[in-house]
Amino acid sequence: MTALIVGAVVVGGLVVLMYISAVLRSKDANKDKPLAVPVGSIRSLLAILIVGGFVVFLLFGSEAIENEDTFDKILAAFASLAGAATGFYFGSRPQQP
């Protein structure tokens, strides 16, 4: 259980650091944008948070959840969510010529 919490804190911390980095790099150019970050930054942060959470759960979730049936159901739901987030993130990017 402790490893799951530590992993979640690490992933959350990385997302916060990436957000702060995006805000600091954007200067005053994005004051009219949501949360004052470049377009696409929030989408990428959400995708990283969801996929990072999935990886943490995959690595440490079996220690925290002792019932195997419950673990399998949560893992399937989390995998679907991570797949949808990844597909939306890469699917919403414009095509490169």
N, C-alpha and C. Protein backbone atom coordinates (compact mmCIF):
# COMPACT_ATOMS: atom_id res chain seq x y z
N MET A 1 0.83 -1.20 0.00
CA MET A 1 0.00 0.00 0.00
C MET A 1 0.87 1.25 0.00
N THR A 2 1.96 1.22 0.74
CA THR A 2 2.85 2.37 0.82
C THR A 2 3.47 2.66 -0.54
N ALA A 3 3.87 1.62 -1.27
CA ALA A 3 4.47 1.82 -2.58
C ALA A 3 3.48 2.45 -3.55
N LEU A 4 2.22 2.09 -3.45
CA LEU A 4 1.18 2.66 -4.31
C LEU A 4 1.01 4.15 -4.03
N ILE A 5 1.03 4.52 -2.79
CA ILE A 5 0.90 5.93 -2.40
C ILE A 5 2.11 6.72 -2.86
N VAL A 6 3.30 6.18 -2.65
CA VAL A 6 4.53 6.85 -3.07
C VAL A 6 4.55 7.02 -4.58
N GLY A 7 4.17 5.99 -5.31
CA GLY A 7 4.11 6.09 -6.76
C GLY A 7 3.13 7.14 -7.23
N ALA A 8 1.96 7.20 -6.60
CA ALA A 8 0.96 8.20 -6.97
C ALA A 8 1.46 9.61 -6.68
N VAL A 9 2.15 9.78 -5.58
CA VAL A 9 2.71 11.09 -5.24
C VAL A 9 3.78 11.49 -6.24
N VAL A 10 4.62 10.55 -6.65
CA VAL A 10 5.66 10.84 -7.63
C VAL A 10 5.05 11.26 -8.96
N VAL A 11 4.06 10.51 -9.44
CA VAL A 11 3.41 10.87 -10.71
C VAL A 11 2.72 12.22 -10.60
N GLY A 12 2.02 12.45 -9.52
CA GLY A 12 1.37 13.75 -9.31
C GLY A 12 2.37 14.89 -9.24
N GLY A 13 3.49 14.65 -8.57
CA GLY A 13 4.55 15.66 -8.50
C GLY A 13 5.14 15.98 -9.86
N LEU A 14 5.33 14.96 -10.68
CA LEU A 14 5.85 15.19 -12.02
C LEU A 14 4.88 16.02 -12.86
N VAL A 15 3.60 15.75 -12.73
CA VAL A 15 2.60 16.52 -13.47
C VAL A 15 2.60 17.97 -13.01
N VAL A 16 2.69 18.21 -11.73
CA VAL A 16 2.74 19.58 -11.22
C VAL A 16 3.99 20.29 -11.71
N LEU A 17 5.14 19.62 -11.69
CA LEU A 17 6.37 20.23 -12.18
C LEU A 17 6.29 20.55 -13.66
N MET A 18 5.67 19.67 -14.44
CA MET A 18 5.52 19.94 -15.87
C MET A 18 4.60 21.12 -16.10
N TYR A 19 3.55 21.24 -15.30
CA TYR A 19 2.65 22.39 -15.43
C TYR A 19 3.38 23.69 -15.10
N ILE A 20 4.13 23.69 -14.01
CA ILE A 20 4.88 24.88 -13.62
C ILE A 20 5.89 25.24 -14.71
N SER A 21 6.54 24.25 -15.28
CA SER A 21 7.49 24.49 -16.35
C SER A 21 6.81 25.11 -17.56
N ALA A 22 5.63 24.61 -17.92
CA ALA A 22 4.89 25.16 -19.06
C ALA A 22 4.48 26.60 -18.80
N VAL A 23 4.07 26.90 -17.58
CA VAL A 23 3.66 28.27 -17.25
C VAL A 23 4.87 29.21 -17.30
N LEU A 24 6.00 28.76 -16.77
CA LEU A 24 7.19 29.61 -16.77
C LEU A 24 7.72 29.85 -18.18
N ARG A 25 7.63 28.86 -19.05
CA ARG A 25 8.10 29.02 -20.42
C ARG A 25 7.17 29.88 -21.24
N SER A 26 5.90 29.93 -20.90
CA SER A 26 4.93 30.62 -21.73
C SER A 26 5.01 32.14 -21.59
N LYS A 27 5.60 32.65 -20.53
CA LYS A 27 5.70 34.09 -20.26
C LYS A 27 4.33 34.75 -20.33
N ASP A 28 4.25 35.89 -21.01
CA ASP A 28 2.99 36.62 -21.08
C ASP A 28 2.19 36.32 -22.34
N ALA A 29 2.72 35.48 -23.21
CA ALA A 29 2.09 35.23 -24.50
C ALA A 29 0.76 34.49 -24.38
N ASN A 30 0.55 33.77 -23.29
CA ASN A 30 -0.64 32.93 -23.17
C ASN A 30 -1.58 33.39 -22.07
N LYS A 31 -1.61 34.66 -21.78
CA LYS A 31 -2.48 35.15 -20.71
C LYS A 31 -3.96 34.93 -21.03
N ASP A 32 -4.31 34.89 -22.31
CA ASP A 32 -5.71 34.69 -22.68
C ASP A 32 -6.10 33.22 -22.78
N LYS A 33 -5.15 32.32 -22.67
CA LYS A 33 -5.41 30.88 -22.76
C LYS A 33 -5.83 30.34 -21.39
N PRO A 34 -6.55 29.21 -21.36
CA PRO A 34 -6.94 28.61 -20.09
C PRO A 34 -5.72 28.22 -19.26
N LEU A 35 -5.70 28.62 -18.02
CA LEU A 35 -4.62 28.35 -17.07
C LEU A 35 -3.28 28.91 -17.52
N ALA A 36 -3.26 29.81 -18.49
CA ALA A 36 -2.07 30.52 -18.97
C ALA A 36 -0.97 29.58 -19.44
N VAL A 37 -1.33 28.52 -20.12
CA VAL A 37 -0.35 27.59 -20.68
C VAL A 37 -0.60 27.44 -22.18
N PRO A 38 0.40 27.00 -22.95
CA PRO A 38 0.21 26.81 -24.38
C PRO A 38 -0.90 25.81 -24.70
N VAL A 39 -1.48 25.94 -25.87
CA VAL A 39 -2.55 25.05 -26.31
C VAL A 39 -2.04 23.61 -26.34
N GLY A 40 -2.79 22.70 -25.77
CA GLY A 40 -2.41 21.29 -25.74
C GLY A 40 -1.69 20.87 -24.48
N SER A 41 -1.28 21.81 -23.64
CA SER A 41 -0.53 21.46 -22.44
C SER A 41 -1.39 20.71 -21.43
N ILE A 42 -2.62 21.15 -21.24
CA ILE A 42 -3.50 20.49 -20.28
C ILE A 42 -3.84 19.09 -20.76
N ARG A 43 -4.07 18.94 -22.06
CA ARG A 43 -4.34 17.62 -22.63
C ARG A 43 -3.17 16.68 -22.38
N SER A 44 -1.96 17.16 -22.59
CA SER A 44 -0.80 16.30 -22.39
C SER A 44 -0.59 15.99 -20.91
N LEU A 45 -0.84 16.95 -20.03
CA LEU A 45 -0.70 16.69 -18.60
C LEU A 45 -1.72 15.66 -18.11
N LEU A 46 -2.94 15.76 -18.61
CA LEU A 46 -3.95 14.76 -18.23
C LEU A 46 -3.59 13.38 -18.74
N ALA A 47 -3.09 13.30 -19.96
CA ALA A 47 -2.69 12.01 -20.51
C ALA A 47 -1.53 11.42 -19.71
N ILE A 48 -0.56 12.23 -19.35
CA ILE A 48 0.57 11.75 -18.56
C ILE A 48 0.10 11.30 -17.18
N LEU A 49 -0.81 12.05 -16.57
CA LEU A 49 -1.32 11.69 -15.25
C LEU A 49 -2.08 10.37 -15.29
N ILE A 50 -2.93 10.17 -16.29
CA ILE A 50 -3.71 8.94 -16.37
C ILE A 50 -2.83 7.74 -16.69
N VAL A 51 -1.95 7.88 -17.68
CA VAL A 51 -1.08 6.76 -18.04
C VAL A 51 -0.06 6.48 -16.93
N GLY A 52 0.46 7.54 -16.30
CA GLY A 52 1.37 7.34 -15.17
C GLY A 52 0.69 6.65 -14.00
N GLY A 53 -0.55 7.04 -13.73
CA GLY A 53 -1.31 6.37 -12.67
C GLY A 53 -1.56 4.90 -12.99
N PHE A 54 -1.82 4.62 -14.27
CA PHE A 54 -2.01 3.23 -14.69
C PHE A 54 -0.74 2.42 -14.47
N VAL A 55 0.41 2.99 -14.82
CA VAL A 55 1.68 2.27 -14.64
C VAL A 55 1.95 2.03 -13.16
N VAL A 56 1.71 3.04 -12.33
CA VAL A 56 1.90 2.87 -10.88
C VAL A 56 0.97 1.79 -10.35
N PHE A 57 -0.30 1.81 -10.78
CA PHE A 57 -1.24 0.78 -10.33
C PHE A 57 -0.82 -0.60 -10.82
N LEU A 58 -0.32 -0.67 -12.04
CA LEU A 58 0.12 -1.94 -12.60
C LEU A 58 1.30 -2.51 -11.81
N LEU A 59 2.20 -1.64 -11.41
CA LEU A 59 3.39 -2.09 -10.68
C LEU A 59 3.11 -2.42 -9.22
N PHE A 60 2.31 -1.58 -8.56
CA PHE A 60 2.16 -1.71 -7.11
C PHE A 60 0.74 -2.02 -6.64
N GLY A 61 -0.22 -2.09 -7.55
CA GLY A 61 -1.61 -2.30 -7.15
C GLY A 61 -1.90 -3.66 -6.56
N SER A 62 -1.18 -4.68 -7.01
CA SER A 62 -1.45 -6.03 -6.49
C SER A 62 -1.07 -6.14 -5.02
N GLU A 63 -0.13 -5.30 -4.57
CA GLU A 63 0.23 -5.30 -3.14
C GLU A 63 -0.86 -4.65 -2.30
N ALA A 64 -1.52 -3.64 -2.87
CA ALA A 64 -2.50 -2.89 -2.12
C ALA A 64 -3.87 -3.57 -2.09
N ILE A 65 -4.22 -4.28 -3.17
CA ILE A 65 -5.52 -4.93 -3.27
C ILE A 65 -5.30 -6.43 -3.22
N GLU A 66 -5.76 -7.05 -2.16
CA GLU A 66 -5.49 -8.48 -1.95
C GLU A 66 -6.46 -9.37 -2.71
N ASN A 67 -7.67 -8.92 -2.96
CA ASN A 67 -8.65 -9.71 -3.68
C ASN A 67 -8.32 -9.66 -5.18
N GLU A 68 -7.99 -10.80 -5.76
CA GLU A 68 -7.54 -10.85 -7.15
C GLU A 68 -8.64 -10.46 -8.13
N ASP A 69 -9.88 -10.83 -7.84
CA ASP A 69 -10.99 -10.49 -8.73
C ASP A 69 -11.20 -8.98 -8.79
N THR A 70 -11.13 -8.33 -7.63
CA THR A 70 -11.26 -6.87 -7.58
C THR A 70 -10.11 -6.20 -8.31
N PHE A 71 -8.91 -6.71 -8.11
CA PHE A 71 -7.73 -6.16 -8.79
C PHE A 71 -7.89 -6.26 -10.31
N ASP A 72 -8.37 -7.39 -10.81
CA ASP A 72 -8.56 -7.57 -12.24
C ASP A 72 -9.59 -6.59 -12.81
N LYS A 73 -10.67 -6.36 -12.07
CA LYS A 73 -11.70 -5.43 -12.53
C LYS A 73 -11.17 -4.00 -12.58
N ILE A 74 -10.46 -3.60 -11.54
CA ILE A 74 -9.89 -2.25 -11.50
C ILE A 74 -8.84 -2.10 -12.59
N LEU A 75 -8.03 -3.13 -12.78
CA LEU A 75 -6.99 -3.08 -13.81
C LEU A 75 -7.61 -2.94 -15.21
N ALA A 76 -8.68 -3.66 -15.48
CA ALA A 76 -9.35 -3.56 -16.78
C ALA A 76 -9.93 -2.17 -16.99
N ALA A 77 -10.54 -1.61 -15.96
CA ALA A 77 -11.11 -0.27 -16.08
C ALA A 77 -10.01 0.77 -16.28
N PHE A 78 -8.94 0.64 -15.53
CA PHE A 78 -7.82 1.59 -15.64
C PHE A 78 -7.14 1.46 -17.00
N ALA A 79 -7.01 0.25 -17.51
CA ALA A 79 -6.39 0.05 -18.83
C ALA A 79 -7.25 0.68 -19.92
N SER A 80 -8.56 0.57 -19.80
CA SER A 80 -9.46 1.20 -20.77
C SER A 80 -9.33 2.72 -20.72
N LEU A 81 -9.26 3.27 -19.53
CA LEU A 81 -9.11 4.71 -19.36
C LEU A 81 -7.78 5.19 -19.92
N ALA A 82 -6.70 4.46 -19.62
CA ALA A 82 -5.38 4.84 -20.13
C ALA A 82 -5.33 4.74 -21.65
N GLY A 83 -5.95 3.72 -22.21
CA GLY A 83 -5.99 3.57 -23.66
C GLY A 83 -6.78 4.68 -24.32
N ALA A 84 -7.90 5.06 -23.71
CA ALA A 84 -8.72 6.15 -24.25
C ALA A 84 -7.96 7.47 -24.17
N ALA A 85 -7.28 7.73 -23.07
CA ALA A 85 -6.52 8.97 -22.92
C ALA A 85 -5.39 9.04 -23.94
N THR A 86 -4.69 7.94 -24.12
CA THR A 86 -3.59 7.90 -25.09
C THR A 86 -4.12 8.08 -26.51
N GLY A 87 -5.20 7.40 -26.84
CA GLY A 87 -5.78 7.52 -28.17
C GLY A 87 -6.29 8.92 -28.44
N PHE A 88 -6.92 9.54 -27.46
CA PHE A 88 -7.41 10.90 -27.64
C PHE A 88 -6.26 11.88 -27.79
N TYR A 89 -5.21 11.71 -26.99
CA TYR A 89 -4.07 12.62 -27.05
C TYR A 89 -3.41 12.58 -28.43
N PHE A 90 -3.11 11.38 -28.93
CA PHE A 90 -2.45 11.29 -30.22
C PHE A 90 -3.43 11.49 -31.37
N GLY A 91 -4.70 11.18 -31.19
CA GLY A 91 -5.68 11.36 -32.24
C GLY A 91 -6.08 12.80 -32.45
N SER A 92 -5.93 13.64 -31.43
CA SER A 92 -6.32 15.04 -31.56
C SER A 92 -5.22 15.93 -32.11
N ARG A 93 -4.04 15.38 -32.29
CA ARG A 93 -2.94 16.16 -32.86
C ARG A 93 -3.13 16.28 -34.37
N PRO A 94 -2.79 17.45 -34.94
CA PRO A 94 -2.96 17.59 -36.39
C PRO A 94 -1.98 16.70 -37.16
N GLN A 95 -2.39 16.31 -38.35
CA GLN A 95 -1.57 15.46 -39.19
C GLN A 95 -0.36 16.24 -39.69
N GLN A 96 0.79 15.60 -39.68
CA GLN A 96 2.01 16.21 -40.19
C GLN A 96 2.15 15.85 -41.67
N PRO A 97 2.44 16.82 -42.56
CA PRO A 97 2.57 16.49 -43.98
C PRO A 97 3.85 15.73 -44.28
